[in-house]
């Protein structure tokens, strides 16, 4: 995939409709809504996810972050919550991307790849053929209590660039992005989109000032 110098902005860990509109008014093209996770920030009730997703205007994507790993459960969850996109934060263990597409026509599928080492490049290339986009994050699914996002850590962006150059689908970059390093990230990786959670929050709430500063730094 060719590099992008003016990436889209995706704001994750949205807690309610107020945060959703704060993000939209400051230029976000996508919102992340976090369902049950083994660890990490931003988890909200399914009822809240459904309510926020129903209020977001056309043109802004809503991503359901799910840690479920079997297709029937993922399909049932999405049918309850009705977002525009599925963000799979862990690997499928039962079923396939093709089965997800058949059950949920028109719904985007984004697979998260946690960049833990060179083996992540092979993983990303392998799964990219079945999805609409990849999201590169800094979690660790191999821990006893899995880390599946929201770590605030930066991973090896050289590996992220290798992945972007090796795949034919758009790539979102997550993990440790801040005002101070966003231009470095864009130059190093050339991602289609930037995904933010902890870097634009204060006391676990979306900080409009931090978000405005980040967008200004990312898209001068």
N, C-alpha and C. Protein backbone atom coordinates (compact mmCIF):
# COMPACT_ATOMS: atom_id res chain seq x y z
N UNK A 1 0.85 -1.19 0.00
CA UNK A 1 0.00 0.00 0.00
C UNK A 1 0.88 1.24 0.00
N UNK A 2 0.52 2.23 -0.81
CA UNK A 2 1.29 3.47 -0.88
C UNK A 2 1.17 4.25 0.44
N UNK A 3 2.20 5.04 0.78
CA UNK A 3 2.13 5.82 2.02
C UNK A 3 1.10 6.94 1.94
N UNK A 4 0.57 7.31 3.09
CA UNK A 4 -0.36 8.43 3.21
C UNK A 4 0.29 9.51 4.06
N UNK A 5 0.30 10.73 3.58
CA UNK A 5 0.93 11.83 4.32
C UNK A 5 -0.09 12.66 5.10
N UNK A 6 -1.36 12.53 4.79
CA UNK A 6 -2.41 13.21 5.56
C UNK A 6 -3.41 12.15 6.02
N UNK A 7 -3.07 11.41 7.06
CA UNK A 7 -3.88 10.27 7.46
C UNK A 7 -5.21 10.66 8.08
N UNK A 8 -6.16 9.73 8.03
CA UNK A 8 -7.43 9.89 8.75
C UNK A 8 -7.17 9.77 10.25
N UNK A 9 -8.09 10.33 11.03
CA UNK A 9 -7.98 10.28 12.49
C UNK A 9 -9.12 9.43 13.04
N UNK A 10 -8.76 8.41 13.79
CA UNK A 10 -9.74 7.55 14.48
C UNK A 10 -9.55 7.72 15.97
N UNK A 11 -10.61 8.09 16.67
CA UNK A 11 -10.56 8.27 18.11
C UNK A 11 -11.22 7.06 18.76
N UNK A 12 -10.44 6.35 19.55
CA UNK A 12 -10.93 5.13 20.19
C UNK A 12 -11.31 5.42 21.65
N UNK A 13 -11.87 4.42 22.29
CA UNK A 13 -12.26 4.50 23.71
C UNK A 13 -13.34 5.54 23.95
N UNK A 14 -14.19 5.79 22.94
CA UNK A 14 -15.31 6.72 23.10
C UNK A 14 -16.24 6.20 24.19
N UNK A 15 -16.58 7.09 25.14
CA UNK A 15 -17.36 6.64 26.29
C UNK A 15 -18.86 6.94 26.19
N UNK A 16 -19.21 7.98 25.42
CA UNK A 16 -20.62 8.37 25.36
C UNK A 16 -20.82 9.27 24.15
N UNK A 17 -22.06 9.70 23.95
CA UNK A 17 -22.37 10.52 22.79
C UNK A 17 -21.65 11.86 22.84
N UNK A 18 -21.46 12.42 24.04
CA UNK A 18 -20.75 13.68 24.16
C UNK A 18 -19.32 13.57 23.64
N UNK A 19 -18.62 12.50 24.02
CA UNK A 19 -17.26 12.29 23.51
C UNK A 19 -17.27 12.06 22.01
N UNK A 20 -18.26 11.35 21.52
CA UNK A 20 -18.34 11.10 20.09
C UNK A 20 -18.42 12.42 19.32
N UNK A 21 -19.26 13.33 19.79
CA UNK A 21 -19.41 14.61 19.08
C UNK A 21 -18.19 15.50 19.26
N UNK A 22 -17.52 15.42 20.40
CA UNK A 22 -16.26 16.14 20.56
C UNK A 22 -15.25 15.69 19.51
N UNK A 23 -15.15 14.40 19.33
CA UNK A 23 -14.21 13.86 18.33
C UNK A 23 -14.61 14.26 16.92
N UNK A 24 -15.88 14.15 16.60
CA UNK A 24 -16.36 14.48 15.25
C UNK A 24 -16.11 15.95 14.94
N UNK A 25 -16.41 16.83 15.88
CA UNK A 25 -16.25 18.26 15.64
C UNK A 25 -14.79 18.67 15.45
N UNK A 26 -13.87 17.83 15.91
CA UNK A 26 -12.45 18.14 15.76
C UNK A 26 -11.80 17.31 14.66
N UNK A 27 -12.63 16.72 13.80
CA UNK A 27 -12.11 16.15 12.58
C UNK A 27 -11.97 14.65 12.52
N UNK A 28 -12.44 13.92 13.52
CA UNK A 28 -12.33 12.46 13.47
C UNK A 28 -13.20 11.90 12.36
N UNK A 29 -12.66 10.96 11.60
CA UNK A 29 -13.43 10.28 10.56
C UNK A 29 -13.92 8.92 11.02
N UNK A 30 -13.46 8.46 12.21
CA UNK A 30 -13.89 7.17 12.73
C UNK A 30 -13.82 7.20 14.25
N UNK A 31 -14.72 6.42 14.88
CA UNK A 31 -14.79 6.33 16.33
C UNK A 31 -14.70 4.87 16.75
N UNK A 32 -13.94 4.60 17.81
CA UNK A 32 -13.82 3.25 18.33
C UNK A 32 -14.64 3.07 19.59
N UNK A 33 -15.48 2.03 19.61
CA UNK A 33 -16.37 1.72 20.73
C UNK A 33 -15.97 0.36 21.27
N UNK A 34 -15.50 0.32 22.53
CA UNK A 34 -14.84 -0.85 23.08
C UNK A 34 -15.82 -1.70 23.87
N UNK A 35 -16.02 -2.94 23.43
CA UNK A 35 -16.82 -3.89 24.19
C UNK A 35 -15.90 -4.66 25.15
N UNK A 36 -16.43 -5.67 25.81
CA UNK A 36 -15.71 -6.36 26.88
C UNK A 36 -14.32 -6.81 26.44
N UNK A 37 -13.32 -6.53 27.28
CA UNK A 37 -11.93 -6.87 27.04
C UNK A 37 -11.33 -7.52 28.28
N UNK A 38 -10.27 -8.32 28.10
CA UNK A 38 -9.61 -8.90 29.27
C UNK A 38 -8.83 -7.88 30.08
N UNK A 39 -8.43 -6.74 29.46
CA UNK A 39 -7.70 -5.69 30.15
C UNK A 39 -7.77 -4.43 29.29
N UNK A 40 -7.32 -3.31 29.86
CA UNK A 40 -7.21 -2.09 29.08
C UNK A 40 -8.37 -1.14 29.31
N UNK A 41 -8.22 0.11 28.81
CA UNK A 41 -9.21 1.16 29.06
C UNK A 41 -10.34 1.17 28.06
N UNK A 42 -11.36 1.97 28.38
CA UNK A 42 -12.37 2.34 27.39
C UNK A 42 -13.56 1.44 27.27
N UNK A 43 -13.64 0.35 28.04
CA UNK A 43 -14.76 -0.57 27.90
C UNK A 43 -16.05 0.11 28.37
N UNK A 44 -17.09 -0.02 27.53
CA UNK A 44 -18.41 0.52 27.89
C UNK A 44 -19.46 -0.56 27.67
N UNK A 45 -20.63 -0.36 28.23
CA UNK A 45 -21.71 -1.33 28.12
C UNK A 45 -22.19 -1.44 26.67
N UNK A 46 -22.66 -2.60 26.31
CA UNK A 46 -23.18 -2.79 24.95
C UNK A 46 -24.32 -1.83 24.66
N UNK A 47 -25.15 -1.56 25.65
CA UNK A 47 -26.26 -0.62 25.43
C UNK A 47 -25.74 0.76 25.04
N UNK A 48 -24.64 1.17 25.64
CA UNK A 48 -24.05 2.47 25.31
C UNK A 48 -23.46 2.45 23.90
N UNK A 49 -22.80 1.36 23.54
CA UNK A 49 -22.25 1.25 22.19
C UNK A 49 -23.37 1.39 21.16
N UNK A 50 -24.46 0.67 21.36
CA UNK A 50 -25.56 0.74 20.41
C UNK A 50 -26.14 2.14 20.33
N UNK A 51 -26.27 2.80 21.47
CA UNK A 51 -26.86 4.14 21.49
C UNK A 51 -25.96 5.15 20.79
N UNK A 52 -24.64 5.07 21.03
CA UNK A 52 -23.71 5.99 20.38
C UNK A 52 -23.68 5.73 18.88
N UNK A 53 -23.58 4.47 18.49
CA UNK A 53 -23.51 4.13 17.06
C UNK A 53 -24.73 4.65 16.31
N UNK A 54 -25.89 4.63 16.95
CA UNK A 54 -27.12 5.07 16.29
C UNK A 54 -27.15 6.58 16.08
N UNK A 55 -26.34 7.33 16.84
CA UNK A 55 -26.36 8.79 16.75
C UNK A 55 -25.28 9.37 15.84
N UNK A 56 -24.32 8.57 15.45
CA UNK A 56 -23.20 9.08 14.66
C UNK A 56 -23.67 9.34 13.23
N UNK A 57 -23.36 10.51 12.67
CA UNK A 57 -23.89 10.84 11.35
C UNK A 57 -23.22 10.05 10.23
N UNK A 58 -23.88 9.93 9.10
CA UNK A 58 -23.27 9.28 7.94
C UNK A 58 -21.95 9.97 7.57
N UNK A 59 -20.99 9.17 7.14
CA UNK A 59 -19.68 9.71 6.80
C UNK A 59 -18.64 9.52 7.88
N UNK A 60 -19.09 9.24 9.11
CA UNK A 60 -18.18 8.93 10.19
C UNK A 60 -18.36 7.45 10.54
N UNK A 61 -17.27 6.69 10.48
CA UNK A 61 -17.34 5.25 10.73
C UNK A 61 -17.38 4.97 12.23
N UNK A 62 -18.10 3.93 12.60
CA UNK A 62 -18.12 3.46 13.98
C UNK A 62 -17.53 2.05 14.02
N UNK A 63 -16.48 1.88 14.81
CA UNK A 63 -15.77 0.61 14.93
C UNK A 63 -16.17 -0.07 16.23
N UNK A 64 -16.68 -1.28 16.13
CA UNK A 64 -16.92 -2.11 17.31
C UNK A 64 -15.67 -2.91 17.61
N UNK A 65 -15.00 -2.60 18.72
CA UNK A 65 -13.85 -3.38 19.14
C UNK A 65 -14.36 -4.60 19.89
N UNK A 66 -14.06 -5.77 19.36
CA UNK A 66 -14.51 -7.01 19.98
C UNK A 66 -13.33 -7.94 20.23
N UNK A 67 -13.33 -8.55 21.42
CA UNK A 67 -12.30 -9.55 21.75
C UNK A 67 -12.81 -10.97 21.51
N UNK A 68 -14.04 -11.10 21.03
CA UNK A 68 -14.58 -12.42 20.71
C UNK A 68 -13.78 -13.04 19.56
N UNK A 69 -13.69 -14.36 19.55
CA UNK A 69 -12.83 -15.02 18.57
C UNK A 69 -13.55 -16.04 17.70
N UNK A 70 -14.86 -16.21 17.90
CA UNK A 70 -15.59 -17.14 17.05
C UNK A 70 -16.66 -16.39 16.27
N UNK A 71 -16.83 -16.77 15.02
CA UNK A 71 -17.70 -16.03 14.11
C UNK A 71 -19.14 -15.94 14.61
N UNK A 72 -19.77 -17.02 15.07
CA UNK A 72 -21.17 -16.86 15.51
C UNK A 72 -21.35 -15.82 16.61
N UNK A 73 -20.44 -15.79 17.58
CA UNK A 73 -20.56 -14.82 18.67
C UNK A 73 -20.32 -13.40 18.18
N UNK A 74 -19.37 -13.23 17.27
CA UNK A 74 -19.09 -11.90 16.72
C UNK A 74 -20.30 -11.40 15.93
N UNK A 75 -20.88 -12.26 15.13
CA UNK A 75 -22.04 -11.87 14.33
C UNK A 75 -23.20 -11.48 15.24
N UNK A 76 -23.46 -12.28 16.26
CA UNK A 76 -24.56 -11.97 17.18
C UNK A 76 -24.31 -10.65 17.88
N UNK A 77 -23.08 -10.39 18.30
CA UNK A 77 -22.77 -9.13 18.97
C UNK A 77 -22.98 -7.95 18.02
N UNK A 78 -22.49 -8.08 16.81
CA UNK A 78 -22.65 -6.96 15.87
C UNK A 78 -24.12 -6.70 15.56
N UNK A 79 -24.91 -7.72 15.43
CA UNK A 79 -26.33 -7.52 15.13
C UNK A 79 -27.04 -6.81 16.27
N UNK A 80 -26.51 -6.92 17.48
CA UNK A 80 -27.08 -6.17 18.62
C UNK A 80 -26.67 -4.70 18.58
N UNK A 81 -25.47 -4.42 18.08
CA UNK A 81 -24.87 -3.10 18.28
C UNK A 81 -24.84 -2.23 17.04
N UNK A 82 -24.80 -2.82 15.85
CA UNK A 82 -25.03 -2.09 14.59
C UNK A 82 -24.02 -0.98 14.30
N UNK A 83 -22.75 -1.28 14.44
CA UNK A 83 -21.73 -0.33 13.99
C UNK A 83 -21.47 -0.55 12.50
N UNK A 84 -20.69 0.38 11.90
CA UNK A 84 -20.39 0.24 10.48
C UNK A 84 -19.22 -0.70 10.22
N UNK A 85 -18.42 -0.96 11.27
CA UNK A 85 -17.16 -1.68 11.11
C UNK A 85 -16.91 -2.57 12.31
N UNK A 86 -16.30 -3.72 12.06
CA UNK A 86 -15.82 -4.61 13.12
C UNK A 86 -14.31 -4.45 13.25
N UNK A 87 -13.84 -4.27 14.46
CA UNK A 87 -12.40 -4.26 14.73
C UNK A 87 -12.09 -5.48 15.60
N UNK A 88 -11.47 -6.47 15.00
CA UNK A 88 -11.16 -7.72 15.69
C UNK A 88 -9.81 -7.55 16.37
N UNK A 89 -9.81 -7.48 17.70
CA UNK A 89 -8.57 -7.20 18.42
C UNK A 89 -7.78 -8.45 18.74
N UNK A 90 -8.33 -9.61 18.42
CA UNK A 90 -7.65 -10.88 18.62
C UNK A 90 -7.88 -11.74 17.39
N UNK A 91 -7.17 -12.84 17.31
CA UNK A 91 -7.26 -13.71 16.14
C UNK A 91 -8.53 -14.55 16.18
N UNK A 92 -9.10 -14.79 14.99
CA UNK A 92 -10.21 -15.73 14.90
C UNK A 92 -9.73 -17.14 15.24
N UNK A 93 -10.50 -17.84 16.07
CA UNK A 93 -10.19 -19.24 16.35
C UNK A 93 -11.21 -20.19 15.76
N UNK A 94 -12.41 -19.67 15.49
CA UNK A 94 -13.48 -20.47 14.89
C UNK A 94 -14.13 -19.66 13.79
N UNK A 95 -14.18 -20.23 12.59
CA UNK A 95 -14.78 -19.53 11.47
C UNK A 95 -13.75 -18.72 10.70
N UNK A 96 -14.24 -17.99 9.69
CA UNK A 96 -13.35 -17.30 8.76
C UNK A 96 -13.87 -15.89 8.47
N UNK A 97 -13.00 -15.07 7.88
CA UNK A 97 -13.43 -13.75 7.44
C UNK A 97 -14.54 -13.86 6.39
N UNK A 98 -14.45 -14.86 5.53
CA UNK A 98 -15.48 -15.04 4.50
C UNK A 98 -16.84 -15.29 5.13
N UNK A 99 -16.87 -16.04 6.22
CA UNK A 99 -18.14 -16.29 6.91
C UNK A 99 -18.67 -15.01 7.56
N UNK A 100 -17.76 -14.20 8.09
CA UNK A 100 -18.19 -12.92 8.64
C UNK A 100 -18.82 -12.05 7.55
N UNK A 101 -18.17 -11.99 6.39
CA UNK A 101 -18.69 -11.17 5.29
C UNK A 101 -20.06 -11.66 4.83
N UNK A 102 -20.22 -12.96 4.78
CA UNK A 102 -21.50 -13.51 4.33
C UNK A 102 -22.61 -13.17 5.32
N UNK A 103 -22.28 -13.23 6.61
CA UNK A 103 -23.29 -12.96 7.64
C UNK A 103 -23.57 -11.48 7.82
N UNK A 104 -22.55 -10.64 7.54
CA UNK A 104 -22.68 -9.20 7.79
C UNK A 104 -22.29 -8.42 6.53
N UNK A 105 -23.09 -8.53 5.49
CA UNK A 105 -22.74 -7.84 4.24
C UNK A 105 -22.67 -6.33 4.44
N UNK A 106 -21.67 -5.72 3.85
CA UNK A 106 -21.53 -4.28 3.92
C UNK A 106 -20.82 -3.75 5.16
N UNK A 107 -20.48 -4.63 6.07
CA UNK A 107 -19.79 -4.22 7.30
C UNK A 107 -18.29 -4.37 7.09
N UNK A 108 -17.53 -3.31 7.37
CA UNK A 108 -16.08 -3.36 7.23
C UNK A 108 -15.46 -4.29 8.27
N UNK A 109 -14.39 -4.95 7.87
CA UNK A 109 -13.66 -5.85 8.77
C UNK A 109 -12.22 -5.35 8.89
N UNK A 110 -11.82 -5.02 10.11
CA UNK A 110 -10.47 -4.55 10.39
C UNK A 110 -9.84 -5.52 11.39
N UNK A 111 -8.70 -6.09 11.01
CA UNK A 111 -8.01 -7.00 11.91
C UNK A 111 -6.85 -6.28 12.59
N UNK A 112 -6.80 -6.38 13.92
CA UNK A 112 -5.68 -5.83 14.67
C UNK A 112 -4.53 -6.83 14.64
N UNK A 113 -3.34 -6.32 14.38
CA UNK A 113 -2.10 -7.09 14.50
C UNK A 113 -1.26 -6.40 15.56
N UNK A 114 -0.92 -7.11 16.61
CA UNK A 114 -0.09 -6.56 17.68
C UNK A 114 1.37 -6.78 17.30
N UNK A 115 2.07 -5.69 17.09
CA UNK A 115 3.43 -5.76 16.54
C UNK A 115 4.40 -6.03 17.68
N UNK A 116 4.75 -7.29 17.83
CA UNK A 116 5.63 -7.72 18.92
C UNK A 116 7.01 -8.13 18.42
N UNK A 117 7.18 -8.27 17.12
CA UNK A 117 8.47 -8.67 16.56
C UNK A 117 8.34 -8.94 15.07
N UNK A 118 9.43 -9.37 14.42
CA UNK A 118 9.40 -9.60 12.98
C UNK A 118 8.33 -10.59 12.53
N UNK A 119 7.95 -11.50 13.40
CA UNK A 119 6.91 -12.47 13.04
C UNK A 119 5.57 -11.78 12.76
N UNK A 120 5.38 -10.58 13.30
CA UNK A 120 4.15 -9.84 13.07
C UNK A 120 3.99 -9.43 11.62
N UNK A 121 5.11 -9.26 10.91
CA UNK A 121 5.03 -8.91 9.49
C UNK A 121 4.38 -10.06 8.73
N UNK A 122 4.82 -11.28 9.00
CA UNK A 122 4.24 -12.45 8.34
C UNK A 122 2.76 -12.60 8.68
N UNK A 123 2.42 -12.39 9.95
CA UNK A 123 1.03 -12.48 10.37
C UNK A 123 0.17 -11.47 9.62
N UNK A 124 0.66 -10.23 9.53
CA UNK A 124 -0.11 -9.19 8.85
C UNK A 124 -0.33 -9.50 7.39
N UNK A 125 0.69 -9.96 6.72
CA UNK A 125 0.55 -10.31 5.30
C UNK A 125 -0.45 -11.44 5.14
N UNK A 126 -0.40 -12.41 6.03
CA UNK A 126 -1.29 -13.57 5.93
C UNK A 126 -2.75 -13.18 6.08
N UNK A 127 -3.07 -12.34 7.06
CA UNK A 127 -4.47 -12.02 7.33
C UNK A 127 -5.01 -10.92 6.41
N UNK A 128 -4.12 -10.16 5.80
CA UNK A 128 -4.57 -8.99 5.03
C UNK A 128 -5.47 -9.36 3.86
N UNK A 129 -5.30 -10.55 3.31
CA UNK A 129 -6.09 -10.93 2.14
C UNK A 129 -7.58 -11.05 2.47
N UNK A 130 -7.92 -11.24 3.74
CA UNK A 130 -9.31 -11.47 4.08
C UNK A 130 -10.05 -10.30 4.67
N UNK A 131 -9.36 -9.15 4.85
CA UNK A 131 -9.97 -8.04 5.58
C UNK A 131 -9.92 -6.76 4.75
N UNK A 132 -10.62 -5.73 5.24
CA UNK A 132 -10.65 -4.45 4.55
C UNK A 132 -9.52 -3.52 4.97
N UNK A 133 -8.98 -3.74 6.16
CA UNK A 133 -7.88 -2.91 6.66
C UNK A 133 -7.22 -3.65 7.82
N UNK A 134 -5.99 -3.24 8.11
CA UNK A 134 -5.27 -3.71 9.29
C UNK A 134 -5.11 -2.54 10.27
N UNK A 135 -5.03 -2.86 11.55
CA UNK A 135 -4.71 -1.88 12.57
C UNK A 135 -3.54 -2.43 13.38
N UNK A 136 -2.43 -1.72 13.35
CA UNK A 136 -1.22 -2.16 14.05
C UNK A 136 -1.17 -1.53 15.42
N UNK A 137 -1.11 -2.37 16.46
CA UNK A 137 -1.16 -1.89 17.83
C UNK A 137 0.01 -2.49 18.61
N UNK A 138 0.06 -2.14 19.90
CA UNK A 138 1.21 -2.49 20.73
C UNK A 138 0.84 -3.40 21.89
N UNK A 139 -0.21 -4.20 21.73
CA UNK A 139 -0.59 -5.13 22.78
C UNK A 139 0.23 -6.39 22.75
N UNK A 140 -0.18 -7.34 23.59
CA UNK A 140 0.50 -8.64 23.65
C UNK A 140 -0.53 -9.72 23.97
N UNK A 141 -1.06 -10.40 22.94
CA UNK A 141 -2.06 -11.44 23.18
C UNK A 141 -1.49 -12.69 23.85
N UNK A 142 -0.17 -12.78 23.96
CA UNK A 142 0.45 -13.97 24.54
C UNK A 142 0.55 -13.95 26.05
N UNK A 143 0.18 -12.86 26.69
CA UNK A 143 0.25 -12.80 28.15
C UNK A 143 -0.88 -13.60 28.80
N UNK A 144 -0.69 -13.94 30.06
CA UNK A 144 -1.73 -14.68 30.79
C UNK A 144 -3.04 -13.89 30.81
N UNK A 145 -2.95 -12.58 31.06
CA UNK A 145 -4.07 -11.67 30.87
C UNK A 145 -3.74 -10.87 29.61
N UNK A 146 -4.44 -11.14 28.55
CA UNK A 146 -4.09 -10.56 27.26
C UNK A 146 -4.16 -9.03 27.28
N UNK A 147 -3.19 -8.41 26.61
CA UNK A 147 -3.25 -7.00 26.30
C UNK A 147 -3.68 -6.88 24.84
N UNK A 148 -4.85 -6.27 24.61
CA UNK A 148 -5.40 -6.21 23.26
C UNK A 148 -5.63 -4.78 22.78
N UNK A 149 -4.99 -3.82 23.45
CA UNK A 149 -5.09 -2.43 23.02
C UNK A 149 -5.09 -1.49 24.20
N UNK A 150 -4.96 -0.19 23.90
CA UNK A 150 -5.01 0.83 24.93
C UNK A 150 -3.82 0.84 25.85
N UNK A 151 -2.66 0.34 25.39
CA UNK A 151 -1.49 0.27 26.26
C UNK A 151 -0.78 1.61 26.38
N UNK A 152 -0.94 2.50 25.39
CA UNK A 152 -0.19 3.74 25.38
C UNK A 152 1.28 3.57 25.04
N UNK A 153 1.66 2.36 24.61
CA UNK A 153 3.06 2.09 24.27
C UNK A 153 3.29 2.19 22.77
N UNK A 154 4.47 2.60 22.43
CA UNK A 154 4.91 2.65 21.04
C UNK A 154 5.61 1.34 20.70
N UNK A 155 5.31 0.79 19.52
CA UNK A 155 6.05 -0.39 19.07
C UNK A 155 7.08 0.02 18.02
N UNK A 156 7.68 -0.97 17.37
CA UNK A 156 8.74 -0.71 16.40
C UNK A 156 8.11 -0.25 15.08
N UNK A 157 8.20 1.05 14.80
CA UNK A 157 7.57 1.58 13.60
C UNK A 157 8.26 1.11 12.32
N UNK A 158 9.50 0.67 12.41
CA UNK A 158 10.15 0.10 11.22
C UNK A 158 9.41 -1.15 10.76
N UNK A 159 8.94 -1.95 11.72
CA UNK A 159 8.14 -3.13 11.37
C UNK A 159 6.80 -2.72 10.79
N UNK A 160 6.20 -1.66 11.34
CA UNK A 160 4.93 -1.18 10.80
C UNK A 160 5.09 -0.72 9.36
N UNK A 161 6.18 -0.06 9.07
CA UNK A 161 6.42 0.38 7.69
C UNK A 161 6.57 -0.83 6.76
N UNK A 162 7.32 -1.85 7.23
CA UNK A 162 7.46 -3.07 6.42
C UNK A 162 6.10 -3.68 6.12
N UNK A 163 5.22 -3.69 7.11
CA UNK A 163 3.88 -4.24 6.90
C UNK A 163 3.13 -3.40 5.88
N UNK A 164 3.15 -2.08 6.04
CA UNK A 164 2.45 -1.22 5.09
C UNK A 164 2.94 -1.44 3.66
N UNK A 165 4.23 -1.63 3.49
CA UNK A 165 4.79 -1.83 2.15
C UNK A 165 4.46 -3.21 1.58
N UNK A 166 4.11 -4.17 2.46
CA UNK A 166 3.92 -5.55 2.02
C UNK A 166 2.47 -5.91 1.76
N UNK A 167 1.52 -5.07 2.20
CA UNK A 167 0.10 -5.43 2.07
C UNK A 167 -0.60 -4.49 1.10
N UNK A 168 -1.79 -4.90 0.69
CA UNK A 168 -2.57 -4.14 -0.29
C UNK A 168 -3.85 -3.58 0.30
N UNK A 169 -3.90 -3.45 1.62
CA UNK A 169 -5.08 -2.87 2.28
C UNK A 169 -4.63 -1.69 3.14
N UNK A 170 -5.54 -0.76 3.43
CA UNK A 170 -5.18 0.38 4.28
C UNK A 170 -4.73 -0.07 5.67
N UNK A 171 -3.90 0.77 6.28
CA UNK A 171 -3.30 0.44 7.57
C UNK A 171 -3.49 1.59 8.55
N UNK A 172 -4.06 1.26 9.71
CA UNK A 172 -4.15 2.21 10.81
C UNK A 172 -3.01 1.94 11.78
N UNK A 173 -2.44 3.01 12.34
CA UNK A 173 -1.35 2.89 13.30
C UNK A 173 -1.84 3.33 14.67
N UNK A 174 -1.61 2.49 15.67
CA UNK A 174 -2.00 2.78 17.04
C UNK A 174 -0.82 2.49 17.96
N UNK A 175 -0.92 3.01 19.20
CA UNK A 175 0.09 2.70 20.20
C UNK A 175 1.05 3.84 20.48
N UNK A 176 0.81 4.56 21.54
CA UNK A 176 1.76 5.57 21.99
C UNK A 176 1.83 6.82 21.16
N UNK A 177 0.83 7.11 20.36
CA UNK A 177 0.84 8.32 19.53
C UNK A 177 0.52 9.54 20.39
N UNK A 178 1.31 10.61 20.19
CA UNK A 178 1.13 11.85 20.94
C UNK A 178 1.45 13.03 20.02
N UNK A 179 1.13 14.22 20.49
CA UNK A 179 1.46 15.43 19.73
C UNK A 179 2.93 15.44 19.36
N UNK A 180 3.78 15.05 20.31
CA UNK A 180 5.22 15.18 20.13
C UNK A 180 5.78 14.23 19.07
N UNK A 181 5.09 13.13 18.79
CA UNK A 181 5.69 12.15 17.86
C UNK A 181 4.84 11.86 16.63
N UNK A 182 3.73 12.57 16.46
CA UNK A 182 2.82 12.18 15.38
C UNK A 182 3.45 12.41 14.01
N UNK A 183 4.17 13.50 13.82
CA UNK A 183 4.78 13.71 12.52
C UNK A 183 5.87 12.68 12.25
N UNK A 184 6.60 12.29 13.29
CA UNK A 184 7.58 11.21 13.15
C UNK A 184 6.89 9.92 12.71
N UNK A 185 5.72 9.63 13.30
CA UNK A 185 4.98 8.43 12.95
C UNK A 185 4.54 8.45 11.49
N UNK A 186 4.05 9.61 11.05
CA UNK A 186 3.59 9.71 9.67
C UNK A 186 4.75 9.52 8.70
N UNK A 187 5.89 10.12 9.01
CA UNK A 187 7.06 9.98 8.14
C UNK A 187 7.60 8.55 8.17
N UNK A 188 7.62 7.95 9.34
CA UNK A 188 8.22 6.61 9.49
C UNK A 188 7.37 5.52 8.88
N UNK A 189 6.03 5.64 8.98
CA UNK A 189 5.14 4.54 8.60
C UNK A 189 4.31 4.86 7.37
N UNK A 190 3.83 6.09 7.24
CA UNK A 190 2.93 6.44 6.14
C UNK A 190 1.58 5.77 6.24
N UNK A 191 0.96 5.74 7.44
CA UNK A 191 -0.29 4.99 7.59
C UNK A 191 -1.47 5.70 6.96
N UNK A 192 -2.48 4.91 6.60
CA UNK A 192 -3.74 5.47 6.11
C UNK A 192 -4.46 6.22 7.21
N UNK A 193 -4.36 5.71 8.46
CA UNK A 193 -5.06 6.32 9.57
C UNK A 193 -4.25 6.23 10.85
N UNK A 194 -4.56 7.14 11.78
CA UNK A 194 -3.97 7.16 13.12
C UNK A 194 -5.06 6.85 14.13
N UNK A 195 -4.76 5.97 15.07
CA UNK A 195 -5.75 5.52 16.05
C UNK A 195 -5.29 5.94 17.44
N UNK A 196 -6.15 6.69 18.15
CA UNK A 196 -5.77 7.29 19.43
C UNK A 196 -6.72 6.89 20.54
N UNK A 197 -6.15 6.65 21.71
CA UNK A 197 -6.98 6.47 22.91
C UNK A 197 -6.37 7.27 24.04
N UNK A 198 -5.33 6.73 24.68
CA UNK A 198 -4.80 7.35 25.89
C UNK A 198 -4.12 8.69 25.62
N UNK A 199 -3.58 8.89 24.42
CA UNK A 199 -2.82 10.09 24.13
C UNK A 199 -3.62 11.38 24.08
N UNK A 200 -4.94 11.27 24.02
CA UNK A 200 -5.78 12.48 23.97
C UNK A 200 -6.82 12.48 25.09
N UNK A 201 -6.45 11.87 26.22
CA UNK A 201 -7.37 11.79 27.35
C UNK A 201 -6.72 12.37 28.60
N UNK A 202 -7.56 12.93 29.49
CA UNK A 202 -7.14 13.40 30.79
C UNK A 202 -8.12 12.85 31.82
N UNK A 203 -7.58 12.18 32.83
CA UNK A 203 -8.43 11.55 33.85
C UNK A 203 -9.49 10.67 33.20
N UNK A 204 -9.06 9.93 32.17
CA UNK A 204 -9.88 8.93 31.49
C UNK A 204 -11.04 9.52 30.71
N UNK A 205 -10.98 10.82 30.41
CA UNK A 205 -12.00 11.46 29.57
C UNK A 205 -11.32 12.09 28.37
N UNK A 206 -12.03 12.10 27.24
CA UNK A 206 -11.50 12.72 26.05
C UNK A 206 -11.28 14.20 26.31
N UNK A 207 -10.06 14.67 26.03
CA UNK A 207 -9.66 16.04 26.30
C UNK A 207 -9.69 16.82 24.98
N UNK A 208 -10.64 17.73 24.84
CA UNK A 208 -10.81 18.45 23.58
C UNK A 208 -9.58 19.25 23.22
N UNK A 209 -8.90 19.82 24.21
CA UNK A 209 -7.69 20.57 23.93
C UNK A 209 -6.57 19.70 23.41
N UNK A 210 -6.35 18.56 24.04
CA UNK A 210 -5.32 17.63 23.57
C UNK A 210 -5.64 17.12 22.17
N UNK A 211 -6.92 16.84 21.93
CA UNK A 211 -7.30 16.34 20.61
C UNK A 211 -7.08 17.41 19.54
N UNK A 212 -7.47 18.65 19.83
CA UNK A 212 -7.27 19.72 18.86
C UNK A 212 -5.79 19.91 18.56
N UNK A 213 -4.95 19.83 19.59
CA UNK A 213 -3.51 19.98 19.40
C UNK A 213 -2.95 18.83 18.57
N UNK A 214 -3.44 17.62 18.82
CA UNK A 214 -2.96 16.47 18.06
C UNK A 214 -3.34 16.60 16.58
N UNK A 215 -4.58 16.96 16.32
CA UNK A 215 -5.02 17.09 14.92
C UNK A 215 -4.22 18.17 14.23
N UNK A 216 -3.96 19.28 14.91
CA UNK A 216 -3.17 20.36 14.31
C UNK A 216 -1.75 19.89 14.00
N UNK A 217 -1.19 19.05 14.87
CA UNK A 217 0.16 18.55 14.64
C UNK A 217 0.19 17.49 13.53
N UNK A 218 -0.87 16.69 13.46
CA UNK A 218 -0.91 15.63 12.47
C UNK A 218 -1.21 16.16 11.08
N UNK A 219 -2.06 17.19 11.02
CA UNK A 219 -2.55 17.71 9.74
C UNK A 219 -2.31 19.21 9.68
N UNK A 220 -1.05 19.64 9.67
CA UNK A 220 -0.77 21.09 9.72
C UNK A 220 -1.22 21.79 8.44
